[in-house]
C-alpha atoms as a PDB file:
ATOM      1  CA  UNK A   1      31.746  20.276 -60.372  1.00  0.00           C
ATOM      2  CA  UNK A   2      35.183  18.690 -59.571  1.00  0.00           C
ATOM      3  CA  UNK A   3      34.663  19.525 -55.789  1.00  0.00           C
ATOM      4  CA  UNK A   4      31.485  17.506 -55.723  1.00  0.00           C
ATOM      5  CA  UNK A   5      33.008  14.629 -57.389  1.00  0.00           C
ATOM      6  CA  UNK A   6      35.903  14.597 -55.311  1.00  0.00           C
ATOM      7  CA  UNK A   7      33.772  14.589 -52.106  1.00  0.00           C
ATOM      8  CA  UNK A   8      31.280  11.842 -53.546  1.00  0.00           C
ATOM      9  CA  UNK A   9      34.288   9.558 -54.474  1.00  0.00           C
ATOM     10  CA  UNK A  10      35.882  10.241 -50.888  1.00  0.00           C
ATOM     11  CA  UNK A  11      32.725   9.308 -49.302  1.00  0.00           C
ATOM     12  CA  UNK A  12      31.887   6.444 -51.454  1.00  0.00           C
ATOM     13  CA  UNK A  13      35.345   4.641 -50.587  1.00  0.00           C
ATOM     14  CA  UNK A  14      34.796   5.625 -46.727  1.00  0.00           C
ATOM     15  CA  UNK A  15      31.325   4.128 -46.978  1.00  0.00           C
ATOM     16  CA  UNK A  16      32.089   1.001 -49.030  1.00  0.00           C
ATOM     17  CA  UNK A  17      35.177   0.385 -46.396  1.00  0.00           C
ATOM     18  CA  UNK A  18      32.868   0.872 -43.408  1.00  0.00           C
ATOM     19  CA  UNK A  19      30.026  -1.457 -44.756  1.00  0.00           C
ATOM     20  CA  UNK A  20      32.550  -4.216 -45.607  1.00  0.00           C
ATOM     21  CA  UNK A  21      34.220  -3.894 -42.187  1.00  0.00           C
ATOM     22  CA  UNK A  22      30.924  -3.322 -40.089  1.00  0.00           C
ATOM     23  CA  UNK A  23      28.985  -6.073 -42.260  1.00  0.00           C
ATOM     24  CA  UNK A  24      26.201  -3.194 -42.604  1.00  0.00           C
ATOM     25  CA  UNK A  25      25.456  -2.618 -46.177  1.00  0.00           C
ATOM     26  CA  UNK A  26      22.545  -0.680 -45.425  1.00  0.00           C
ATOM     27  CA  UNK A  27      24.974   2.035 -44.174  1.00  0.00           C
ATOM     28  CA  UNK A  28      25.569   2.868 -47.972  1.00  0.00           C
ATOM     29  CA  UNK A  29      22.033   3.669 -48.763  1.00  0.00           C
ATOM     30  CA  UNK A  30      21.643   5.591 -45.457  1.00  0.00           C
ATOM     31  CA  UNK A  31      24.368   7.738 -46.412  1.00  0.00           C
ATOM     32  CA  UNK A  32      22.745   8.194 -49.985  1.00  0.00           C
ATOM     33  CA  UNK A  33      19.520   9.212 -48.051  1.00  0.00           C
ATOM     34  CA  UNK A  34      21.135  11.718 -46.088  1.00  0.00           C
ATOM     35  CA  UNK A  35      22.947  13.373 -48.692  1.00  0.00           C
ATOM     36  CA  UNK A  36      19.925  13.587 -50.712  1.00  0.00           C
ATOM     37  CA  UNK A  37      18.131  15.446 -48.257  1.00  0.00           C
ATOM     38  CA  UNK A  38      20.549  18.156 -48.463  1.00  0.00           C
ATOM     39  CA  UNK A  39      22.065  18.094 -51.869  1.00  0.00           C
ATOM     40  CA  UNK A  40      20.630  16.169 -54.595  1.00  0.00           C
ATOM     41  CA  UNK A  41      24.031  16.642 -56.850  1.00  0.00           C
ATOM     42  CA  UNK A  42      26.025  15.291 -54.299  1.00  0.00           C
ATOM     43  CA  UNK A  43      23.719  12.305 -53.759  1.00  0.00           C
ATOM     44  CA  UNK A  44      23.621  11.527 -57.513  1.00  0.00           C
ATOM     45  CA  UNK A  45      27.489  11.668 -57.620  1.00  0.00           C
ATOM     46  CA  UNK A  46      28.003   9.682 -54.594  1.00  0.00           C
ATOM     47  CA  UNK A  47      25.347   6.701 -55.823  1.00  0.00           C
ATOM     48  CA  UNK A  48      27.371   6.703 -59.142  1.00  0.00           C
ATOM     49  CA  UNK A  49      30.665   6.551 -57.443  1.00  0.00           C
ATOM     50  CA  UNK A  50      29.269   3.629 -55.477  1.00  0.00           C
ATOM     51  CA  UNK A  51      27.823   1.853 -58.562  1.00  0.00           C
ATOM     52  CA  UNK A  52      31.214   2.257 -60.432  1.00  0.00           C
ATOM     53  CA  UNK A  53      33.116   0.849 -57.393  1.00  0.00           C
ATOM     54  CA  UNK A  54      30.899  -2.091 -57.432  1.00  0.00           C
ATOM     55  CA  UNK A  55      31.003  -2.698 -61.401  1.00  0.00           C
ATOM     56  CA  UNK A  56      34.720  -2.451 -61.177  1.00  0.00           C
ATOM     57  CA  UNK A  57      34.804  -5.148 -58.373  1.00  0.00           C
ATOM     58  CA  UNK A  58      32.368  -7.463 -60.196  1.00  0.00           C
ATOM     59  CA  UNK A  59      34.735  -7.015 -63.711  1.00  0.00           C
ATOM     60  CA  UNK A  60      37.921  -7.787 -61.798  1.00  0.00           C
ATOM     61  CA  UNK A  61      36.208 -10.784 -60.059  1.00  0.00           C
ATOM     62  CA  UNK A  62      35.295 -12.119 -63.395  1.00  0.00           C
ATOM     63  CA  UNK A  63      38.764 -11.511 -64.810  1.00  0.00           C
ATOM     64  CA  UNK A  64      40.311 -13.177 -61.787  1.00  0.00           C
ATOM     65  CA  UNK A  65      37.933 -16.159 -62.183  1.00  0.00           C
ATOM     66  CA  UNK A  66      38.884 -16.566 -65.993  1.00  0.00           C
ATOM     67  CA  UNK A  67      42.354 -16.454 -65.546  1.00  0.00           C
ATOM     68  CA  UNK A  68      42.372 -18.869 -62.663  1.00  0.00           C
ATOM     69  CA  UNK A  69      40.259 -21.352 -64.983  1.00  0.00           C
ATOM     70  CA  UNK A  70      43.031 -21.170 -67.430  1.00  0.00           C
ATOM     71  CA  UNK A  71      45.719 -21.909 -64.921  1.00  0.00           C
ATOM     72  CA  UNK A  72      47.048 -25.366 -64.933  1.00  0.00           C
ATOM     73  CA  UNK A  73      45.732 -27.581 -61.921  1.00  0.00           C
ATOM     74  CA  UNK A  74      48.484 -29.074 -59.556  1.00  0.00           C
ATOM     75  CA  UNK A  75      48.644 -32.935 -59.995  1.00  0.00           C
END
């Protein structure tokens, strides 16, 4: 299973980067469909990797927001 998770993580990183650079968020879903047509196991690992990365980004965003609110405002 380590190979599958490693590949899913690699594909997820590349897909998110390309979607960000190209502005085409549908790329992430299209890759998921292609993976599912050949390997449901890899598709599930990929979709999980995407969800984890998106959740991580939201969490870090909230933490940064909270920290910014506590910073003294320049006068």
